[in-house]
């Protein structure tokens, strides 16, 4: 009903003070419609100091990551886990990351290269570009001047040597050593070291007498296990034949490294000339059968040898990158060694990077407890495309948000979900033209290997454009997805 007095009052008020806005009533709408009014915003990045990875898919901002810059502020640990099926860009990410890290003067990288292509490891091109010779561990070449790593290297502490010997034996046997076998090994190890210490002492006293010509080696341990010292048995009040019987299985396992299919790589002094001060050190394991027991044994020896010879308190930031890391994480005995290395290395500036195809390779294995401990120390997780069921299992173990789990199966090559201590982003990895020839590792399976450079580059750019278009479609789909039935705007 028209109110003349009210209309007159409103007109007079508007004349004196101007037009007065009326209060709007609330409007009920759906989230899909409301998102057109309240535009989405991107989560904050990780800062602008470190290594450029690429760009965030949803915001287009550059994505920069460096565990050494973030450690102690946004990261409780500098270790990194990379997951995803083959062909989605894990190798390209690892290689560009290492190349970009090496631009900093205080960086040093060790890579365990378990993949092979054209008869060499896939890091061979990068090593050549940097003027570095990979350390190729090959059982077929070990007897002809190949590389050797000595588990009894004097640079490794006595405790470290014994722990490494136990790990080698336990990995090969598939079970832990019992007390008697452990005692026989301990006695043999002590006897071998005692012999060399006595020889050193006699050489020092004689003055002119030359020192021993070589380091203690595995064959010395095997010989002591077969013929134990009577004094060691008497000290424990046991029969010498019992000590010999307790060490028989241990001797048979170590004999494989001395005279078996793995001979030559570990039975001898460490090869001279291995440059541990080079910016990049590549252990080429591509000639080792990935499914054999040799691979976890080899990784254990390399890991412990590096722990005692490479990691030093010299304020350098070191990166230890392991491909096919399930060989480490899936073995309880090797995982325990690397778990200690991760804890120890964190105080000395070590970032451990583990590359695994599927999380189920490790969480469902024999070393589930050790794997969980290592995964817990990896504060950075990068997940490339996986099948839906694998993505759900990965999301549950790593605690990923639901939206991230849902898009993992739809990710295209080069795009991954990054979880940096709870900061979750979808990131497109970018590769420069200078890096592309060094990180491209699928020549044997693609036709572009035989294409002219310009044509290959055009195909690569087209693939990148297709991947970016797919990423934008994913972003739009996420923007329009209803999180709830409706909301009040």
Protein backbone atom coordinates (compact mmCIF):
# COMPACT_ATOMS: atom_id res chain seq x y z
CA UNK A 1 0.00 0.00 0.00
CA UNK A 2 1.42 3.38 -1.06
CA UNK A 3 2.73 5.45 1.88
CA UNK A 4 2.77 9.19 0.90
CA UNK A 5 4.56 10.23 4.10
CA UNK A 6 7.29 7.59 3.64
CA UNK A 7 7.83 8.53 0.00
CA UNK A 8 8.09 12.25 0.93
CA UNK A 9 10.59 11.47 3.69
CA UNK A 10 12.77 9.34 1.35
CA UNK A 11 12.74 12.06 -1.35
CA UNK A 12 13.74 14.76 1.17
CA UNK A 13 16.54 12.54 2.60
CA UNK A 14 17.88 11.77 -0.88
CA UNK A 15 17.87 15.50 -1.72
CA UNK A 16 19.95 16.32 1.38
CA UNK A 17 22.32 13.30 1.58
CA UNK A 18 22.19 11.66 -1.84
CA UNK A 19 20.81 8.31 -2.93
CA UNK A 20 20.76 5.69 -0.16
CA UNK A 21 21.45 2.03 -1.18
CA UNK A 22 18.86 -0.41 -0.07
CA UNK A 23 19.81 -3.70 1.63
CA UNK A 24 19.60 -6.67 -0.73
CA UNK A 25 17.97 -9.85 0.36
CA UNK A 26 20.21 -13.03 0.34
CA UNK A 27 20.07 -15.15 -2.80
CA UNK A 28 20.30 -18.93 -2.70
CA UNK A 29 22.41 -20.44 -5.50
CA UNK A 30 24.62 -23.45 -6.30
CA UNK A 31 28.39 -23.54 -5.90
CA UNK A 32 28.79 -23.96 -9.67
CA UNK A 33 27.01 -20.64 -10.26
CA UNK A 34 28.65 -18.91 -7.29
CA UNK A 35 32.15 -19.74 -8.57
CA UNK A 36 31.54 -17.41 -11.51
CA UNK A 37 31.14 -14.55 -8.99
CA UNK A 38 33.74 -15.59 -6.41
CA UNK A 39 36.73 -16.38 -8.61
CA UNK A 40 39.13 -19.13 -7.43
CA UNK A 41 42.48 -18.17 -5.94
CA UNK A 42 45.74 -20.13 -6.00
CA UNK A 43 47.54 -21.31 -2.89
CA UNK A 44 50.79 -19.52 -2.06
CA UNK A 45 53.98 -20.91 -3.64
CA UNK A 46 57.19 -22.02 -1.97
CA UNK A 47 59.06 -18.74 -2.35
CA UNK A 48 61.39 -17.45 -5.02
CA UNK A 49 64.72 -18.93 -3.90
CA UNK A 50 65.90 -22.24 -5.31
CA UNK A 51 65.52 -24.29 -8.48
CA UNK A 52 62.82 -23.55 -11.04
CA UNK A 53 60.74 -26.66 -11.73
CA UNK A 54 58.06 -25.31 -14.04
CA UNK A 55 54.76 -23.55 -13.48
CA UNK A 56 51.66 -24.18 -11.44
CA UNK A 57 48.83 -25.36 -13.66
CA UNK A 58 45.99 -23.50 -11.93
CA UNK A 59 47.64 -20.11 -11.40
CA UNK A 60 50.33 -20.07 -14.09
CA UNK A 61 52.92 -18.93 -11.55
CA UNK A 62 56.46 -20.21 -11.65
CA UNK A 63 57.07 -23.15 -9.31
CA UNK A 64 60.40 -23.04 -7.45
CA UNK A 65 61.59 -25.77 -5.12
CA UNK A 66 64.78 -26.31 -3.13
CA UNK A 67 64.88 -28.56 -0.04
CA UNK A 68 67.93 -26.78 1.34
CA UNK A 69 66.21 -23.38 1.20
CA UNK A 70 62.96 -24.73 2.67
CA UNK A 71 64.48 -26.96 5.36
CA UNK A 72 63.66 -25.86 8.88
CA UNK A 73 60.94 -23.44 7.77
CA UNK A 74 58.48 -25.21 5.49
CA UNK A 75 60.17 -28.62 5.45
CA UNK A 76 60.97 -30.80 8.49
CA UNK A 77 63.22 -33.02 6.31
CA UNK A 78 64.95 -32.45 2.95
CA UNK A 79 64.16 -35.88 1.51
CA UNK A 80 62.01 -36.40 -1.60
CA UNK A 81 59.91 -39.26 -3.00
CA UNK A 82 59.02 -39.38 -6.73
CA UNK A 83 56.23 -41.74 -7.83
CA UNK A 84 54.59 -42.56 -11.13
CA UNK A 85 54.32 -45.03 -13.97
CA UNK A 86 56.92 -45.14 -16.74
CA UNK A 87 56.70 -42.63 -19.55
CA UNK A 88 55.24 -39.75 -17.54
CA UNK A 89 58.36 -37.66 -17.03
CA UNK A 90 60.06 -38.86 -13.85
CA UNK A 91 63.47 -39.22 -15.52
CA UNK A 92 63.24 -35.81 -17.18
CA UNK A 93 62.37 -34.22 -13.84
CA UNK A 94 65.29 -35.89 -12.04
CA UNK A 95 67.82 -34.88 -14.68
CA UNK A 96 66.76 -31.27 -15.10
CA UNK A 97 66.59 -30.93 -11.32
CA UNK A 98 70.17 -32.17 -10.96
CA UNK A 99 71.44 -30.00 -13.82
CA UNK A 100 69.83 -26.93 -12.28
CA UNK A 101 71.08 -27.74 -8.78
CA UNK A 102 74.64 -28.03 -10.08
CA UNK A 103 74.53 -24.39 -11.08
CA UNK A 104 74.98 -23.63 -7.39
CA UNK A 105 78.62 -23.83 -6.32
CA UNK A 106 77.97 -25.64 -3.04
CA UNK A 107 76.03 -28.56 -4.54
CA UNK A 108 77.20 -32.12 -5.15
CA UNK A 109 75.16 -35.03 -6.49
CA UNK A 110 75.51 -38.82 -6.46
CA UNK A 111 73.22 -40.85 -8.73
CA UNK A 112 72.62 -44.59 -8.64
CA UNK A 113 71.71 -45.12 -12.29
CA UNK A 114 69.83 -48.41 -12.53
CA UNK A 115 68.28 -47.78 -15.97
CA UNK A 116 70.07 -48.60 -19.22
CA UNK A 117 69.93 -47.49 -22.84
CA UNK A 118 72.23 -48.28 -25.76
CA UNK A 119 74.53 -50.33 -23.50
CA UNK A 120 75.16 -47.53 -20.99
CA UNK A 121 73.27 -45.90 -18.14
CA UNK A 122 70.74 -43.24 -19.03
CA UNK A 123 72.77 -40.61 -17.16
CA UNK A 124 75.69 -41.17 -19.52
CA UNK A 125 74.86 -38.17 -21.75
CA UNK A 126 74.72 -35.81 -18.81
CA UNK A 127 77.99 -37.17 -17.43
CA UNK A 128 79.67 -36.68 -20.81
CA UNK A 129 78.32 -33.13 -21.05
CA UNK A 130 79.89 -32.34 -17.67
CA UNK A 131 83.16 -34.11 -18.49
CA UNK A 132 82.60 -36.88 -15.94
CA UNK A 133 83.24 -40.62 -16.35
CA UNK A 134 80.51 -42.77 -14.74
CA UNK A 135 81.58 -45.43 -12.24
CA UNK A 136 80.33 -48.50 -14.08
CA UNK A 137 79.88 -51.57 -11.88
CA UNK A 138 79.80 -54.54 -14.22
CA UNK A 139 80.45 -58.16 -13.14
CA UNK A 140 81.55 -59.08 -16.69
CA UNK A 141 84.24 -56.38 -16.72
CA UNK A 142 85.27 -56.49 -13.07
CA UNK A 143 87.99 -59.09 -13.64
CA UNK A 144 89.48 -57.06 -16.51
CA UNK A 145 90.30 -53.84 -14.74
CA UNK A 146 86.73 -52.87 -13.87
CA UNK A 147 85.60 -50.80 -10.90
CA UNK A 148 85.81 -52.32 -7.42
CA UNK A 149 84.33 -51.16 -4.13
CA UNK A 150 85.78 -52.82 -1.04
CA UNK A 151 83.36 -53.41 1.88
CA UNK A 152 86.47 -53.61 4.10
CA UNK A 153 87.90 -50.33 2.87
CA UNK A 154 89.91 -48.76 5.76
CA UNK A 155 87.98 -45.51 5.25
CA UNK A 156 84.91 -47.34 6.63
CA UNK A 157 84.83 -47.70 10.40
CA UNK A 158 85.11 -51.13 11.98
CA UNK A 159 81.48 -50.94 13.11
CA UNK A 160 80.41 -49.89 9.61
CA UNK A 161 82.29 -52.76 8.01
CA UNK A 162 80.66 -55.33 10.26
CA UNK A 163 77.19 -53.82 9.73
CA UNK A 164 77.73 -53.88 5.96
CA UNK A 165 78.89 -57.51 6.00
CA UNK A 166 75.80 -58.51 7.99
CA UNK A 167 73.53 -56.65 5.54
CA UNK A 168 75.13 -58.30 2.50
CA UNK A 169 74.64 -61.74 4.02
CA UNK A 170 71.08 -61.08 5.26
CA UNK A 171 69.97 -59.72 1.88
CA UNK A 172 71.42 -62.73 0.07
CA UNK A 173 69.91 -65.20 2.56
CA UNK A 174 66.57 -63.43 2.79
CA UNK A 175 66.56 -63.63 6.58
CA UNK A 176 68.39 -62.25 9.56
CA UNK A 177 71.53 -63.83 10.97
CA UNK A 178 71.07 -65.87 14.11
CA UNK A 179 73.33 -65.30 17.11
CA UNK A 180 75.72 -68.11 16.29
CA UNK A 181 76.25 -67.13 12.67
CA UNK A 182 76.61 -63.51 13.76
CA UNK A 183 79.26 -64.54 16.30
CA UNK A 184 81.22 -66.49 13.65
CA UNK A 185 81.16 -63.46 11.33
CA UNK A 186 82.23 -61.10 14.10
CA UNK A 187 85.13 -63.37 15.06
CA UNK A 188 86.30 -63.70 11.44
CA UNK A 189 86.12 -59.95 10.86
CA UNK A 190 88.05 -59.19 14.05
CA UNK A 191 90.72 -61.76 13.17
CA UNK A 192 91.26 -60.30 9.70
CA UNK A 193 91.59 -56.76 11.01
CA UNK A 194 93.91 -57.94 13.74
CA UNK A 195 96.23 -59.58 11.20
CA UNK A 196 96.54 -56.38 9.19
CA UNK A 197 96.99 -54.23 12.28
CA UNK A 198 99.80 -56.50 13.48
CA UNK A 199 101.42 -56.37 10.03
CA UNK A 200 101.22 -52.56 10.10
CA UNK A 201 102.76 -52.45 13.57
CA UNK A 202 105.66 -54.70 12.55
CA UNK A 203 106.26 -52.56 9.46
CA UNK A 204 106.34 -49.41 11.59
CA UNK A 205 108.80 -50.96 14.06
CA UNK A 206 111.11 -52.22 11.32
CA UNK A 207 111.17 -48.85 9.64
CA UNK A 208 112.56 -50.11 6.34
CA UNK A 209 110.09 -52.99 6.02
CA UNK A 210 107.43 -52.21 3.41
CA UNK A 211 103.83 -51.92 4.58
CA UNK A 212 101.21 -54.46 3.46
CA UNK A 213 100.59 -54.28 -0.27
CA UNK A 214 96.79 -54.33 -0.09
CA UNK A 215 93.70 -53.71 2.00
CA UNK A 216 91.84 -56.54 3.77
CA UNK A 217 89.28 -58.02 1.38
CA UNK A 218 86.30 -60.37 1.42
CA UNK A 219 88.37 -63.44 0.56
CA UNK A 220 90.21 -62.94 3.86
CA UNK A 221 86.85 -63.10 5.69
CA UNK A 222 85.87 -66.26 3.82
CA UNK A 223 89.19 -67.87 4.71
CA UNK A 224 88.74 -67.01 8.40
CA UNK A 225 85.22 -68.43 8.39
CA UNK A 226 86.52 -71.70 6.97
CA UNK A 227 89.49 -71.81 9.33
CA UNK A 228 88.61 -69.84 12.48
CA UNK A 229 91.27 -68.92 15.02
CA UNK A 230 91.35 -71.31 18.03
CA UNK A 231 91.79 -68.35 20.39
CA UNK A 232 88.37 -66.97 19.43
CA UNK A 233 86.67 -70.26 20.30
CA UNK A 234 88.55 -70.57 23.58
CA UNK A 235 87.51 -67.05 24.60
CA UNK A 236 83.85 -68.08 24.44
CA UNK A 237 84.49 -71.60 25.80
CA UNK A 238 83.12 -73.29 22.68
CA UNK A 239 84.57 -75.91 20.38
CA UNK A 240 86.43 -74.71 17.29
CA UNK A 241 84.41 -77.09 15.10
CA UNK A 242 81.20 -75.43 16.33
CA UNK A 243 82.47 -71.98 15.32
CA UNK A 244 83.38 -73.36 11.89
CA UNK A 245 79.89 -74.88 11.49
CA UNK A 246 78.17 -71.66 12.59
CA UNK A 247 80.00 -69.69 9.91
CA UNK A 248 79.54 -72.15 7.05
CA UNK A 249 76.41 -70.53 5.57
CA UNK A 250 77.98 -67.09 5.94
CA UNK A 251 81.10 -68.28 4.10
CA UNK A 252 79.01 -69.74 1.27
CA UNK A 253 77.16 -66.43 0.79
CA UNK A 254 80.34 -64.35 0.76
CA UNK A 255 81.95 -66.85 -1.59
CA UNK A 256 79.47 -65.75 -4.24
CA UNK A 257 81.02 -62.28 -4.10
CA UNK A 258 84.50 -63.77 -4.29
CA UNK A 259 84.20 -66.62 -6.83
CA UNK A 260 80.55 -66.56 -7.94
CA UNK A 261 78.57 -64.50 -10.45
CA UNK A 262 79.35 -61.26 -8.61
CA UNK A 263 83.08 -61.82 -8.34
CA UNK A 264 85.47 -58.99 -8.96
CA UNK A 265 83.26 -56.05 -8.00
CA UNK A 266 83.80 -56.27 -4.23
CA UNK A 267 86.70 -58.67 -3.68
CA UNK A 268 89.65 -56.34 -3.91
CA UNK A 269 90.87 -52.92 -2.85
CA UNK A 270 88.70 -49.98 -3.85
CA UNK A 271 89.68 -48.77 -7.31
CA UNK A 272 91.99 -45.79 -7.12
CA UNK A 273 91.08 -42.59 -8.91
CA UNK A 274 87.37 -42.37 -8.04
CA UNK A 275 86.86 -38.64 -7.76
CA UNK A 276 84.62 -38.01 -4.77
CA UNK A 277 85.03 -34.25 -5.16
CA UNK A 278 83.42 -34.08 -8.62
CA UNK A 279 80.14 -32.13 -8.73
CA UNK A 280 78.36 -35.19 -10.15
CA UNK A 281 79.17 -38.83 -9.34
CA UNK A 282 77.26 -41.44 -11.34
CA UNK A 283 77.26 -45.12 -10.38
CA UNK A 284 76.20 -46.95 -13.53
CA UNK A 285 74.33 -50.09 -12.42
CA UNK A 286 72.68 -50.69 -15.80
CA UNK A 287 74.64 -53.92 -16.40
CA UNK A 288 73.25 -55.48 -13.21
CA UNK A 289 70.10 -57.58 -13.48
CA UNK A 290 67.46 -55.42 -11.78
CA UNK A 291 65.55 -58.48 -10.56
CA UNK A 292 68.55 -60.29 -9.11
CA UNK A 293 69.71 -60.27 -5.51
CA UNK A 294 72.79 -58.41 -6.71
CA UNK A 295 71.00 -55.06 -6.98
CA UNK A 296 70.04 -54.55 -3.29
CA UNK A 297 73.46 -55.92 -2.23
CA UNK A 298 75.14 -53.47 -4.57
CA UNK A 299 73.05 -50.54 -3.34
CA UNK A 300 73.82 -51.43 0.28
CA UNK A 301 77.56 -51.48 -0.39
CA UNK A 302 77.46 -48.22 -2.34
CA UNK A 303 75.31 -46.56 0.32
CA UNK A 304 77.55 -47.47 3.24
CA UNK A 305 80.72 -46.75 1.28
CA UNK A 306 79.40 -43.28 0.44
CA UNK A 307 78.33 -42.70 4.03
CA UNK A 308 81.91 -43.11 5.22
CA UNK A 309 83.81 -41.65 2.27
CA UNK A 310 81.58 -39.00 0.68
CA UNK A 311 79.44 -37.30 3.33
CA UNK A 312 81.68 -34.88 5.17
CA UNK A 313 81.08 -31.83 7.41
CA UNK A 314 82.33 -29.35 4.79
CA UNK A 315 79.11 -27.31 4.46
CA UNK A 316 78.37 -28.68 1.00
CA UNK A 317 74.77 -29.51 0.13
CA UNK A 318 74.61 -33.06 -1.19
CA UNK A 319 71.91 -34.88 -3.15
CA UNK A 320 71.77 -38.69 -3.23
CA UNK A 321 69.41 -39.79 -6.02
CA UNK A 322 68.45 -43.46 -6.28
CA UNK A 323 66.52 -44.85 -9.23
CA UNK A 324 64.65 -48.13 -8.78
CA UNK A 325 64.68 -47.28 -5.06
CA UNK A 326 62.33 -50.15 -4.25
CA UNK A 327 65.47 -52.31 -4.16
CA UNK A 328 66.42 -50.33 -1.06
CA UNK A 329 63.08 -49.73 0.58
CA UNK A 330 61.72 -53.24 -0.01
CA UNK A 331 64.56 -55.00 1.81
CA UNK A 332 64.38 -54.73 5.63
CA UNK A 333 68.14 -54.99 6.01
CA UNK A 334 69.07 -52.48 3.30
CA UNK A 335 66.28 -50.15 4.39
CA UNK A 336 67.66 -50.07 7.93
CA UNK A 337 71.05 -48.97 6.62
CA UNK A 338 69.54 -46.21 4.50
CA UNK A 339 67.23 -45.14 7.30
CA UNK A 340 70.31 -44.47 9.40
CA UNK A 341 71.94 -42.68 6.47
CA UNK A 342 68.92 -40.38 6.11
CA UNK A 343 68.93 -39.48 9.80
CA UNK A 344 72.68 -38.96 9.81
CA UNK A 345 72.77 -37.08 6.52
CA UNK A 346 70.17 -34.55 7.57
CA UNK A 347 72.68 -33.03 9.98
CA UNK A 348 75.30 -32.76 7.23
CA UNK A 349 73.16 -31.34 4.42
CA UNK A 350 72.05 -34.49 2.55
CA UNK A 351 68.86 -34.67 0.50
CA UNK A 352 67.84 -38.24 -0.40
CA UNK A 353 65.74 -38.60 -3.57
CA UNK A 354 63.99 -41.96 -4.06
CA UNK A 355 62.34 -42.77 -7.40
CA UNK A 356 59.70 -45.52 -7.32
CA UNK A 357 57.11 -46.61 -9.88
CA UNK A 358 54.37 -47.69 -7.46
CA UNK A 359 53.95 -47.16 -3.74
CA UNK A 360 52.57 -50.68 -3.50
CA UNK A 361 56.07 -51.88 -4.47
CA UNK A 362 57.24 -50.89 -1.01
CA UNK A 363 54.32 -50.64 1.43
CA UNK A 364 53.15 -54.19 0.72
CA UNK A 365 56.63 -55.70 0.79
CA UNK A 366 58.67 -57.47 3.42
CA UNK A 367 60.00 -54.16 4.75
CA UNK A 368 56.67 -52.42 5.35
CA UNK A 369 57.75 -50.99 8.71
CA UNK A 370 61.09 -49.72 7.42
CA UNK A 371 59.41 -48.37 4.27
CA UNK A 372 56.90 -46.44 6.36
CA UNK A 373 59.74 -44.88 8.36
CA UNK A 374 61.56 -43.78 5.19
CA UNK A 375 58.35 -42.44 3.62
CA UNK A 376 57.68 -40.47 6.79
CA UNK A 377 61.07 -38.76 6.44
CA UNK A 378 60.27 -37.75 2.83
CA UNK A 379 58.53 -34.42 3.36
CA UNK A 380 58.30 -33.82 -0.40
CA UNK A 381 56.24 -36.17 -2.58
CA UNK A 382 55.80 -35.83 -6.36
CA UNK A 383 53.17 -38.08 -7.94
CA UNK A 384 52.85 -38.53 -11.69
CA UNK A 385 49.97 -40.31 -13.45
CA UNK A 386 48.82 -43.60 -11.96
CA UNK A 387 45.84 -45.85 -12.46
CA UNK A 388 42.79 -44.98 -10.38
CA UNK A 389 43.15 -47.81 -7.85
CA UNK A 390 46.86 -47.11 -7.40
CA UNK A 391 46.13 -43.39 -7.03
CA UNK A 392 43.59 -44.10 -4.26
CA UNK A 393 46.07 -46.32 -2.41
CA UNK A 394 48.81 -43.70 -2.81
CA UNK A 395 46.51 -40.95 -1.58
CA UNK A 396 45.55 -42.96 1.48
CA UNK A 397 49.16 -43.73 2.44
CA UNK A 398 50.46 -40.21 1.80
CA UNK A 399 47.38 -38.37 3.11
CA UNK A 400 46.65 -36.48 -0.11
CA UNK A 401 43.48 -34.37 -0.41
CA UNK A 402 40.57 -35.91 -2.29
CA UNK A 403 40.79 -33.56 -5.27
CA UNK A 404 44.44 -34.47 -5.83
CA UNK A 405 43.70 -38.20 -5.73
CA UNK A 406 40.90 -37.74 -8.28
CA UNK A 407 43.06 -35.96 -10.86
CA UNK A 408 46.15 -38.19 -10.62
CA UNK A 409 44.77 -40.75 -13.16
CA UNK A 410 44.02 -37.90 -15.60
CA UNK A 411 47.46 -36.29 -15.51
CA UNK A 412 49.34 -36.09 -18.79
CA UNK A 413 53.12 -36.60 -19.15
CA UNK A 414 55.11 -33.80 -17.57
CA UNK A 415 52.38 -32.82 -15.08
CA UNK A 416 52.45 -34.03 -11.48
CA UNK A 417 50.90 -33.44 -8.09
CA UNK A 418 53.47 -31.94 -5.70
CA UNK A 419 52.95 -32.27 -1.96
CA UNK A 420 55.56 -30.26 -0.06
CA UNK A 421 54.76 -30.84 3.61
CA UNK A 422 51.04 -30.29 3.00
CA UNK A 423 51.34 -27.57 0.34
CA UNK A 424 49.71 -29.39 -2.60
CA UNK A 425 49.99 -28.04 -6.13
CA UNK A 426 49.63 -29.36 -9.67
CA UNK A 427 52.83 -28.49 -11.53
CA UNK A 428 53.79 -28.59 -15.20
CA UNK A 429 57.49 -29.44 -15.53
CA UNK A 430 59.27 -27.27 -18.10
CA UNK A 431 62.34 -28.39 -20.07
CA UNK A 432 64.60 -25.97 -21.91
CA UNK A 433 65.86 -26.55 -25.44
CA UNK A 434 69.40 -26.99 -24.07
CA UNK A 435 68.23 -29.68 -21.62
CA UNK A 436 65.98 -31.62 -23.96
CA UNK A 437 68.71 -33.65 -25.78
CA UNK A 438 70.24 -34.63 -22.43
CA UNK A 439 67.06 -35.81 -20.71
CA UNK A 440 65.34 -37.50 -23.63
CA UNK A 441 65.70 -41.22 -22.83
CA UNK A 442 63.09 -42.98 -25.00
CA UNK A 443 65.01 -43.04 -28.28
CA UNK A 444 64.76 -46.81 -28.63
CA UNK A 445 60.95 -46.79 -28.42
CA UNK A 446 60.08 -43.70 -30.47
CA UNK A 447 60.35 -42.70 -34.10
CA UNK A 448 61.56 -39.19 -33.27
CA UNK A 449 65.07 -40.57 -32.74
CA UNK A 450 65.50 -40.71 -36.51
CA UNK A 451 63.74 -37.45 -37.29
CA UNK A 452 65.62 -34.29 -38.22
CA UNK A 453 66.21 -31.93 -35.30
CA UNK A 454 63.62 -29.34 -36.42
CA UNK A 455 60.93 -31.96 -36.93
CA UNK A 456 61.66 -33.64 -33.60
CA UNK A 457 61.51 -30.27 -31.88
CA UNK A 458 58.16 -29.49 -33.55
CA UNK A 459 56.73 -32.80 -32.34
CA UNK A 460 57.98 -32.11 -28.82
CA UNK A 461 56.43 -28.64 -28.80
CA UNK A 462 53.15 -30.05 -30.07
CA UNK A 463 53.17 -32.64 -27.30
CA UNK A 464 53.82 -29.92 -24.72
CA UNK A 465 50.97 -27.83 -26.11
CA UNK A 466 48.61 -30.80 -25.92
CA UNK A 467 49.67 -31.48 -22.33
CA UNK A 468 49.10 -27.86 -21.34
CA UNK A 469 45.66 -27.83 -22.96
CA UNK A 470 44.76 -30.96 -21.01
CA UNK A 471 46.00 -29.34 -17.81
CA UNK A 472 43.85 -26.27 -18.41
CA UNK A 473 40.84 -28.53 -18.97
CA UNK A 474 41.57 -30.24 -15.66
CA UNK A 475 41.75 -26.86 -13.95
CA UNK A 476 38.43 -25.79 -15.43
CA UNK A 477 36.83 -29.06 -14.41
CA UNK A 478 38.03 -28.58 -10.86
CA UNK A 479 36.71 -25.01 -10.83
CA UNK A 480 33.23 -26.10 -11.89
CA UNK A 481 32.99 -29.15 -9.65
CA UNK A 482 30.36 -28.86 -6.92
CA UNK A 483 31.89 -29.51 -3.48
CA UNK A 484 28.43 -29.35 -1.91
CA UNK A 485 24.86 -29.21 -3.10
CA UNK A 486 24.40 -25.46 -2.53
CA UNK A 487 25.68 -22.48 -0.58
CA UNK A 488 24.45 -19.04 0.51
CA UNK A 489 26.05 -16.13 -1.36
